[in-house]
Amino acid sequence: MKNLIFTFLVLVSVLAQAQNSELFKEANQAYASDNFETAIAKYEKILENGETSVAVYYNLGNAYYKLNNVAPSIYYYEKALQLDPTDEDVQNNLKFAQSMTIDDIPNNEETGLQKRINQLISTFSYNTWAYLAIGLSVLFVTLFLLYYFSHTPLRKRVLFGLAVFIFLLGCTSVIFAFQQQEIQFNNQFAIIFAEEAAVKNEPSPRGEAAFKLHAGTKAKVLENYQGWVKIELPNGTQGWIENNNLKRL
C-alpha cells in the first residue's frame, strides 16, 4: 500500500512539473507576442500550482512592468531577489521599476565597517552561504588528512596553514548563513499596492493621517493589529496602514 501511495505521489509530481513546464512555455510565447495579460495569467497559474523560481517571478515582474503596473512589478522582482539576491538582471529591472514610483524616500545609510559586513552578507542567500560552508568543511577535512599523512615538514606547515584558513572561512560562512536567514525570515517587508494609502498615527479609522504612500513603495512590517499593520520606511518613519493596502513579500 505504501509503495502504491509513493508511486501515485511521484506520478502527480511528474505531471505537475510537466504542466508547469508547458505553462511556462506558453507564458513566454504570450509575452513575446506582447500579450502580457495572458502571460501574467499563465505565470500566476504556475505559482498557484506551488512552483516558484527566479525565472517565473522575474518574467511576472517584466510583464507587469510592460503594463505600467508598478506595484506588482516591484513585488515580483523583490520575490525573485529573495531566491537569488545576486541576479543582476533582476536588480537592474527593479531599479527601473522603482524609478516609476511616486514616493521618494531616502535611506538611513549605514556607514563604516557594519555597512561593508552587511553588504557582504547580502551577497548570497542563506542557502548559498550554507552550501559554501559545507563545501569548505569538506575541503578542510581533505587538507587536514593531507597534513596528517604528510611527512615533509614544509608541506605539513603549508597544509596546516591552509586548513586553518579554510576552517575560519567555513565558520564565517556559517555565521553569515544564520544572519542572512534572520534577515530574510525575521525582517518582514511589504509593497504598497494601493494607488494612494493614508498612514496614520494609530491603528484606527479615526486616527490622524500622518502622511500618504503610493503604489510600489517598500516598507518594513513591524506589527499587526486588527486589520492594521505598523510599518517602517527606509528613513525610519513609522505609522499604521490598513492591511488591504499592501502585499507582504
C-alpha atoms as a PDB file:
ATOM      1  CA  MET A   1       0.000   0.000   0.000  1.00  0.00           C
ATOM      2  CA  LYS A   2       2.828   2.394   0.879  1.00  0.00           C
ATOM      3  CA  ASN A   3       4.504   1.650  -2.456  1.00  0.00           C
ATOM      4  CA  LEU A   4       1.276   2.471  -4.296  1.00  0.00           C
ATOM      5  CA  ILE A   5       0.914   5.783  -2.446  1.00  0.00           C
ATOM      6  CA  PHE A   6       4.554   6.659  -3.147  1.00  0.00           C
ATOM      7  CA  THR A   7       4.162   5.804  -6.838  1.00  0.00           C
ATOM      8  CA  PHE A   8       0.997   7.906  -7.017  1.00  0.00           C
ATOM      9  CA  LEU A   9       2.719  10.912  -5.410  1.00  0.00           C
ATOM     10  CA  VAL A  10       5.678  10.617  -7.780  1.00  0.00           C
ATOM     11  CA  LEU A  11       3.310  10.431 -10.752  1.00  0.00           C
ATOM     12  CA  VAL A  12       1.388  13.504  -9.561  1.00  0.00           C
ATOM     13  CA  SER A  13       4.659  15.392  -9.087  1.00  0.00           C
ATOM     14  CA  VAL A  14       5.880  14.486 -12.580  1.00  0.00           C
ATOM     15  CA  LEU A  15       2.568  15.501 -14.145  1.00  0.00           C
ATOM     16  CA  ALA A  16       2.573  18.806 -12.242  1.00  0.00           C
ATOM     17  CA  GLN A  17       6.106  19.596 -13.392  1.00  0.00           C
ATOM     18  CA  ALA A  18       5.174  18.765 -16.983  1.00  0.00           C
ATOM     19  CA  GLN A  19       2.097  21.017 -16.736  1.00  0.00           C
ATOM     20  CA  ASN A  20       4.126  23.877 -15.247  1.00  0.00           C
ATOM     21  CA  SER A  21       6.782  23.467 -17.922  1.00  0.00           C
ATOM     22  CA  GLU A  22       4.133  23.732 -20.634  1.00  0.00           C
ATOM     23  CA  LEU A  23       2.527  26.724 -18.908  1.00  0.00           C
ATOM     24  CA  PHE A  24       5.911  28.457 -18.677  1.00  0.00           C
ATOM     25  CA  LYS A  25       6.499  27.895 -22.390  1.00  0.00           C
ATOM     26  CA  GLU A  26       3.029  29.228 -23.270  1.00  0.00           C
ATOM     27  CA  ALA A  27       3.517  32.228 -20.975  1.00  0.00           C
ATOM     28  CA  ASN A  28       6.836  33.063 -22.619  1.00  0.00           C
ATOM     29  CA  GLN A  29       5.236  32.843 -26.053  1.00  0.00           C
ATOM     30  CA  ALA A  30       2.435  35.166 -24.954  1.00  0.00           C
ATOM     31  CA  TYR A  31       4.985  37.610 -23.538  1.00  0.00           C
ATOM     32  CA  ALA A  32       6.985  37.542 -26.788  1.00  0.00           C
ATOM     33  CA  SER A  33       3.756  38.360 -28.644  1.00  0.00           C
ATOM     34  CA  ASP A  34       3.116  41.371 -26.353  1.00  0.00           C
ATOM     35  CA  ASN A  35       0.077  39.597 -24.893  1.00  0.00           C
ATOM     36  CA  PHE A  36       1.108  40.482 -21.378  1.00  0.00           C
ATOM     37  CA  GLU A  37      -2.247  39.814 -19.670  1.00  0.00           C
ATOM     38  CA  THR A  38      -2.247  36.219 -20.910  1.00  0.00           C
ATOM     39  CA  ALA A  39       1.382  35.804 -19.910  1.00  0.00           C
ATOM     40  CA  ILE A  40       0.629  37.072 -16.401  1.00  0.00           C
ATOM     41  CA  ALA A  41      -2.310  34.666 -16.029  1.00  0.00           C
ATOM     42  CA  LYS A  42      -0.136  31.701 -17.013  1.00  0.00           C
ATOM     43  CA  TYR A  43       2.812  32.687 -14.836  1.00  0.00           C
ATOM     44  CA  GLU A  44       0.490  33.140 -11.854  1.00  0.00           C
ATOM     45  CA  LYS A  45      -1.068  29.745 -12.571  1.00  0.00           C
ATOM     46  CA  ILE A  46       2.409  28.235 -12.179  1.00  0.00           C
ATOM     47  CA  LEU A  47       2.685  29.899  -8.767  1.00  0.00           C
ATOM     48  CA  GLU A  48      -0.752  28.592  -7.821  1.00  0.00           C
ATOM     49  CA  ASN A  49       0.499  25.104  -8.684  1.00  0.00           C
ATOM     50  CA  GLY A  50       3.135  25.518  -5.987  1.00  0.00           C
ATOM     51  CA  GLU A  51       6.219  26.100  -8.127  1.00  0.00           C
ATOM     52  CA  THR A  52       8.427  29.107  -7.525  1.00  0.00           C
ATOM     53  CA  SER A  53      11.573  30.167  -9.337  1.00  0.00           C
ATOM     54  CA  VAL A  54      13.579  33.266 -10.136  1.00  0.00           C
ATOM     55  CA  ALA A  55      12.559  32.978 -13.801  1.00  0.00           C
ATOM     56  CA  VAL A  56       8.815  32.923 -13.047  1.00  0.00           C
ATOM     57  CA  TYR A  57       8.988  35.863 -10.638  1.00  0.00           C
ATOM     58  CA  TYR A  58      11.294  37.798 -12.975  1.00  0.00           C
ATOM     59  CA  ASN A  59       9.063  37.279 -16.008  1.00  0.00           C
ATOM     60  CA  LEU A  60       5.987  38.226 -13.994  1.00  0.00           C
ATOM     61  CA  GLY A  61       7.708  41.432 -12.926  1.00  0.00           C
ATOM     62  CA  ASN A  62       8.610  42.168 -16.539  1.00  0.00           C
ATOM     63  CA  ALA A  63       5.048  41.547 -17.747  1.00  0.00           C
ATOM     64  CA  TYR A  64       3.565  43.887 -15.128  1.00  0.00           C
ATOM     65  CA  TYR A  65       6.263  46.459 -15.906  1.00  0.00           C
ATOM     66  CA  LYS A  66       5.263  46.403 -19.575  1.00  0.00           C
ATOM     67  CA  LEU A  67       1.705  47.214 -18.469  1.00  0.00           C
ATOM     68  CA  ASN A  68       2.981  50.068 -16.250  1.00  0.00           C
ATOM     69  CA  ASN A  69       1.705  48.296 -13.134  1.00  0.00           C
ATOM     70  CA  VAL A  70       4.411  49.482 -10.771  1.00  0.00           C
ATOM     71  CA  ALA A  71       3.430  47.765  -7.513  1.00  0.00           C
ATOM     72  CA  PRO A  72       3.170  44.163  -8.787  1.00  0.00           C
ATOM     73  CA  SER A  73       6.281  44.547 -10.946  1.00  0.00           C
ATOM     74  CA  ILE A  74       8.322  45.647  -7.918  1.00  0.00           C
ATOM     75  CA  TYR A  75       6.701  42.944  -5.794  1.00  0.00           C
ATOM     76  CA  TYR A  76       7.721  40.116  -8.116  1.00  0.00           C
ATOM     77  CA  TYR A  77      11.220  41.481  -8.681  1.00  0.00           C
ATOM     78  CA  GLU A  78      11.639  41.520  -4.904  1.00  0.00           C
ATOM     79  CA  LYS A  79      10.335  37.934  -4.719  1.00  0.00           C
ATOM     80  CA  ALA A  80      12.925  36.915  -7.318  1.00  0.00           C
ATOM     81  CA  LEU A  81      15.712  38.559  -5.302  1.00  0.00           C
ATOM     82  CA  GLN A  82      14.629  36.633  -2.219  1.00  0.00           C
ATOM     83  CA  LEU A  83      15.541  33.464  -4.119  1.00  0.00           C
ATOM     84  CA  ASP A  84      18.713  34.882  -5.698  1.00  0.00           C
ATOM     85  CA  PRO A  85      19.966  38.216  -4.304  1.00  0.00           C
ATOM     86  CA  THR A  86      22.858  38.219  -6.811  1.00  0.00           C
ATOM     87  CA  ASP A  87      20.821  38.200 -10.037  1.00  0.00           C
ATOM     88  CA  GLU A  88      21.923  41.356 -11.846  1.00  0.00           C
ATOM     89  CA  ASP A  89      19.076  41.326 -14.388  1.00  0.00           C
ATOM     90  CA  VAL A  90      16.507  41.360 -11.598  1.00  0.00           C
ATOM     91  CA  GLN A  91      18.423  44.058  -9.714  1.00  0.00           C
ATOM     92  CA  ASN A  92      18.582  46.302 -12.779  1.00  0.00           C
ATOM     93  CA  ASN A  93      14.910  45.881 -13.677  1.00  0.00           C
ATOM     94  CA  LEU A  94      13.924  46.513 -10.077  1.00  0.00           C
ATOM     95  CA  LYS A  95      15.746  49.845 -10.215  1.00  0.00           C
ATOM     96  CA  PHE A  96      13.853  50.783 -13.395  1.00  0.00           C
ATOM     97  CA  ALA A  97      10.537  49.890 -11.750  1.00  0.00           C
ATOM     98  CA  GLN A  98      11.392  51.800  -8.575  1.00  0.00           C
ATOM     99  CA  SER A  99      12.144  54.881 -10.664  1.00  0.00           C
ATOM    100  CA  MET A 100       8.457  54.901 -11.628  1.00  0.00           C
ATOM    101  CA  THR A 101       7.223  55.205  -8.044  1.00  0.00           C
ATOM    102  CA  ILE A 102       5.900  58.491  -6.700  1.00  0.00           C
ATOM    103  CA  ASP A 103       7.359  58.341  -3.187  1.00  0.00           C
ATOM    104  CA  ASP A 104      11.000  59.379  -2.927  1.00  0.00           C
ATOM    105  CA  ILE A 105      12.091  58.137   0.480  1.00  0.00           C
ATOM    106  CA  PRO A 106      15.776  58.422   1.392  1.00  0.00           C
ATOM    107  CA  ASN A 107      17.528  55.572   3.171  1.00  0.00           C
ATOM    108  CA  ASN A 108      19.233  55.884   6.511  1.00  0.00           C
ATOM    109  CA  GLU A 109      22.620  54.873   5.164  1.00  0.00           C
ATOM    110  CA  GLU A 110      24.821  52.648   7.283  1.00  0.00           C
ATOM    111  CA  THR A 111      28.435  53.695   7.491  1.00  0.00           C
ATOM    112  CA  GLY A 112      31.763  52.137   8.279  1.00  0.00           C
ATOM    113  CA  LEU A 113      32.543  48.500   8.948  1.00  0.00           C
ATOM    114  CA  GLN A 114      28.935  47.436   9.647  1.00  0.00           C
ATOM    115  CA  LYS A 115      27.856  48.615   6.202  1.00  0.00           C
ATOM    116  CA  ARG A 116      30.564  46.579   4.478  1.00  0.00           C
ATOM    117  CA  ILE A 117      29.713  43.491   6.544  1.00  0.00           C
ATOM    118  CA  ASN A 118      26.008  43.775   5.722  1.00  0.00           C
ATOM    119  CA  GLN A 119      26.821  44.196   2.035  1.00  0.00           C
ATOM    120  CA  LEU A 120      28.967  41.070   2.183  1.00  0.00           C
ATOM    121  CA  ILE A 121      26.238  39.079   3.946  1.00  0.00           C
ATOM    122  CA  SER A 122      23.651  40.129   1.364  1.00  0.00           C
ATOM    123  CA  THR A 123      25.884  38.923  -1.471  1.00  0.00           C
ATOM    124  CA  PHE A 124      24.347  35.425  -1.233  1.00  0.00           C
ATOM    125  CA  SER A 125      21.150  33.861   0.067  1.00  0.00           C
ATOM    126  CA  TYR A 126      21.323  31.901   3.324  1.00  0.00           C
ATOM    127  CA  ASN A 127      21.125  28.658   1.325  1.00  0.00           C
ATOM    128  CA  THR A 128      24.163  29.636  -0.736  1.00  0.00           C
ATOM    129  CA  TRP A 129      26.126  30.534   2.410  1.00  0.00           C
ATOM    130  CA  ALA A 130      25.144  27.166   3.896  1.00  0.00           C
ATOM    131  CA  TYR A 131      26.267  25.261   0.796  1.00  0.00           C
ATOM    132  CA  LEU A 132      29.518  27.223   0.815  1.00  0.00           C
ATOM    133  CA  ALA A 133      30.069  26.267   4.459  1.00  0.00           C
ATOM    134  CA  ILE A 134      29.538  22.591   3.629  1.00  0.00           C
ATOM    135  CA  GLY A 135      31.979  22.778   0.722  1.00  0.00           C
ATOM    136  CA  LEU A 136      34.599  24.484   2.899  1.00  0.00           C
ATOM    137  CA  SER A 137      34.107  21.837   5.582  1.00  0.00           C
ATOM    138  CA  VAL A 138      34.843  19.086   3.073  1.00  0.00           C
ATOM    139  CA  LEU A 139      37.901  20.987   1.868  1.00  0.00           C
ATOM    140  CA  PHE A 140      39.078  21.455   5.465  1.00  0.00           C
ATOM    141  CA  VAL A 141      38.824  17.715   6.182  1.00  0.00           C
ATOM    142  CA  THR A 142      40.712  16.945   2.968  1.00  0.00           C
ATOM    143  CA  LEU A 143      43.518  19.374   3.816  1.00  0.00           C
ATOM    144  CA  PHE A 144      43.725  18.093   7.370  1.00  0.00           C
ATOM    145  CA  LEU A 145      44.065  14.481   6.180  1.00  0.00           C
ATOM    146  CA  LEU A 146      46.781  15.511   3.718  1.00  0.00           C
ATOM    147  CA  TYR A 147      48.533  17.321   6.562  1.00  0.00           C
ATOM    148  CA  TYR A 148      48.209  14.342   8.875  1.00  0.00           C
ATOM    149  CA  PHE A 149      49.675  11.845   6.402  1.00  0.00           C
ATOM    150  CA  SER A 150      52.334  14.176   5.043  1.00  0.00           C
ATOM    151  CA  HIS A 151      55.953  13.518   6.017  1.00  0.00           C
ATOM    152  CA  THR A 152      57.633  16.676   4.749  1.00  0.00           C
ATOM    153  CA  PRO A 153      57.848  19.457   7.418  1.00  0.00           C
ATOM    154  CA  LEU A 154      57.426  22.280   4.909  1.00  0.00           C
ATOM    155  CA  ARG A 155      54.441  20.592   3.309  1.00  0.00           C
ATOM    156  CA  LYS A 156      52.899  19.931   6.729  1.00  0.00           C
ATOM    157  CA  ARG A 157      53.225  23.613   7.675  1.00  0.00           C
ATOM    158  CA  VAL A 158      51.669  24.769   4.407  1.00  0.00           C
ATOM    159  CA  LEU A 159      48.775  22.295   4.619  1.00  0.00           C
ATOM    160  CA  PHE A 160      48.151  23.126   8.281  1.00  0.00           C
ATOM    161  CA  GLY A 161      48.031  26.845   7.496  1.00  0.00           C
ATOM    162  CA  LEU A 162      45.637  26.297   4.608  1.00  0.00           C
ATOM    163  CA  ALA A 163      43.435  24.031   6.744  1.00  0.00           C
ATOM    164  CA  VAL A 164      43.178  26.656   9.483  1.00  0.00           C
ATOM    165  CA  PHE A 165      42.359  29.356   6.923  1.00  0.00           C
ATOM    166  CA  ILE A 166      39.634  27.219   5.304  1.00  0.00           C
ATOM    167  CA  PHE A 167      38.252  26.360   8.743  1.00  0.00           C
ATOM    168  CA  LEU A 168      37.906  30.057   9.588  1.00  0.00           C
ATOM    169  CA  LEU A 169      36.230  30.735   6.237  1.00  0.00           C
ATOM    170  CA  GLY A 170      33.808  27.891   6.917  1.00  0.00           C
ATOM    171  CA  CYS A 171      32.922  29.289  10.332  1.00  0.00           C
ATOM    172  CA  THR A 172      32.364  32.718   8.793  1.00  0.00           C
ATOM    173  CA  SER A 173      30.080  31.208   6.147  1.00  0.00           C
ATOM    174  CA  VAL A 174      28.010  29.501   8.862  1.00  0.00           C
ATOM    175  CA  ILE A 175      27.652  32.782  10.769  1.00  0.00           C
ATOM    176  CA  PHE A 176      26.691  34.660   7.593  1.00  0.00           C
ATOM    177  CA  ALA A 177      24.165  31.939   6.717  1.00  0.00           C
ATOM    178  CA  PHE A 178      22.395  32.348  10.067  1.00  0.00           C
ATOM    179  CA  GLN A 179      22.475  36.143   9.828  1.00  0.00           C
ATOM    180  CA  GLN A 180      21.068  36.105   6.297  1.00  0.00           C
ATOM    181  CA  GLN A 181      18.362  33.676   7.412  1.00  0.00           C
ATOM    182  CA  GLU A 182      17.458  36.019  10.260  1.00  0.00           C
ATOM    183  CA  ILE A 183      17.282  38.946   7.845  1.00  0.00           C
ATOM    184  CA  GLN A 184      15.016  37.081   5.424  1.00  0.00           C
ATOM    185  CA  PHE A 185      12.702  35.485   7.991  1.00  0.00           C
ATOM    186  CA  ASN A 186      12.564  37.960  10.853  1.00  0.00           C
ATOM    187  CA  ASN A 187      12.601  41.140   8.777  1.00  0.00           C
ATOM    188  CA  GLN A 188       9.247  41.117   7.031  1.00  0.00           C
ATOM    189  CA  PHE A 189       8.635  43.570   4.205  1.00  0.00           C
ATOM    190  CA  ALA A 190       5.660  44.547   2.085  1.00  0.00           C
ATOM    191  CA  ILE A 191       4.893  46.514  -1.061  1.00  0.00           C
ATOM    192  CA  ILE A 192       2.157  49.156  -1.114  1.00  0.00           C
ATOM    193  CA  PHE A 193      -0.424  48.105  -3.720  1.00  0.00           C
ATOM    194  CA  ALA A 194      -2.994  50.868  -3.220  1.00  0.00           C
ATOM    195  CA  GLU A 195      -2.673  53.809  -5.596  1.00  0.00           C
ATOM    196  CA  GLU A 196      -2.707  56.039  -2.531  1.00  0.00           C
ATOM    197  CA  ALA A 197      -2.948  54.999   1.109  1.00  0.00           C
ATOM    198  CA  ALA A 198      -3.039  57.056   4.294  1.00  0.00           C
ATOM    199  CA  VAL A 199      -0.544  56.146   7.012  1.00  0.00           C
ATOM    200  CA  LYS A 200      -1.964  57.008  10.430  1.00  0.00           C
ATOM    201  CA  ASN A 201      -0.508  57.596  13.853  1.00  0.00           C
ATOM    202  CA  GLU A 202      -2.717  54.881  15.397  1.00  0.00           C
ATOM    203  CA  PRO A 203      -4.467  51.691  14.156  1.00  0.00           C
ATOM    204  CA  SER A 204      -7.921  53.198  13.834  1.00  0.00           C
ATOM    205  CA  PRO A 205     -10.071  54.763  11.094  1.00  0.00           C
ATOM    206  CA  ARG A 206     -10.351  57.763  13.397  1.00  0.00           C
ATOM    207  CA  GLY A 207      -6.593  58.136  13.631  1.00  0.00           C
ATOM    208  CA  GLU A 208      -4.897  61.181  12.198  1.00  0.00           C
ATOM    209  CA  ALA A 209      -3.242  60.680   8.827  1.00  0.00           C
ATOM    210  CA  ALA A 210       0.458  61.428   9.271  1.00  0.00           C
ATOM    211  CA  PHE A 211       1.365  61.055   5.585  1.00  0.00           C
ATOM    212  CA  LYS A 212       0.421  59.170   2.432  1.00  0.00           C
ATOM    213  CA  LEU A 213       2.144  56.433   0.476  1.00  0.00           C
ATOM    214  CA  HIS A 214       1.685  55.353  -3.122  1.00  0.00           C
ATOM    215  CA  ALA A 215       1.885  52.159  -5.167  1.00  0.00           C
ATOM    216  CA  GLY A 216       5.260  50.460  -5.289  1.00  0.00           C
ATOM    217  CA  THR A 217       6.742  51.763  -2.054  1.00  0.00           C
ATOM    218  CA  LYS A 218       8.518  49.157   0.060  1.00  0.00           C
ATOM    219  CA  ALA A 219       8.081  49.171   3.826  1.00  0.00           C
ATOM    220  CA  LYS A 220       9.171  47.011   6.737  1.00  0.00           C
ATOM    221  CA  VAL A 221       6.374  45.287   8.663  1.00  0.00           C
ATOM    222  CA  LEU A 222       6.716  45.769  12.416  1.00  0.00           C
ATOM    223  CA  GLU A 223       3.393  44.760  13.941  1.00  0.00           C
ATOM    224  CA  ASN A 224      -0.168  43.628  13.166  1.00  0.00           C
ATOM    225  CA  TYR A 225      -3.311  44.744  14.961  1.00  0.00           C
ATOM    226  CA  GLN A 226      -6.921  44.054  13.945  1.00  0.00           C
ATOM    227  CA  GLY A 227      -6.564  44.634  10.228  1.00  0.00           C
ATOM    228  CA  TRP A 228      -3.882  47.284  10.598  1.00  0.00           C
ATOM    229  CA  VAL A 229      -0.139  46.990  10.017  1.00  0.00           C
ATOM    230  CA  LYS A 230       2.557  49.072  11.634  1.00  0.00           C
ATOM    231  CA  ILE A 231       5.241  49.835   9.054  1.00  0.00           C
ATOM    232  CA  GLU A 232       8.618  51.492   8.964  1.00  0.00           C
ATOM    233  CA  LEU A 233      10.050  53.290   5.940  1.00  0.00           C
ATOM    234  CA  PRO A 234      13.740  53.278   4.930  1.00  0.00           C
ATOM    235  CA  ASN A 235      14.194  56.707   6.561  1.00  0.00           C
ATOM    236  CA  GLY A 236      12.916  55.391   9.914  1.00  0.00           C
ATOM    237  CA  THR A 237       9.425  56.924   9.742  1.00  0.00           C
ATOM    238  CA  GLN A 238       6.720  54.712  11.243  1.00  0.00           C
ATOM    239  CA  GLY A 239       2.938  54.576  11.081  1.00  0.00           C
ATOM    240  CA  TRP A 240      -0.153  52.397  10.734  1.00  0.00           C
ATOM    241  CA  ILE A 241      -1.717  51.384   7.428  1.00  0.00           C
ATOM    242  CA  GLU A 242      -4.707  49.195   6.617  1.00  0.00           C
ATOM    243  CA  ASN A 243      -3.680  45.647   5.782  1.00  0.00           C
ATOM    244  CA  ASN A 244      -5.534  45.568   2.452  1.00  0.00           C
ATOM    245  CA  ASN A 245      -3.368  48.405   1.120  1.00  0.00           C
ATOM    246  CA  LEU A 246      -0.211  46.297   0.954  1.00  0.00           C
ATOM    247  CA  LYS A 247       1.068  42.875  -0.031  1.00  0.00           C
ATOM    248  CA  ARG A 248       3.698  41.083   2.019  1.00  0.00           C
ATOM    249  CA  LEU A 249       6.836  39.713   0.437  1.00  0.00           C
END
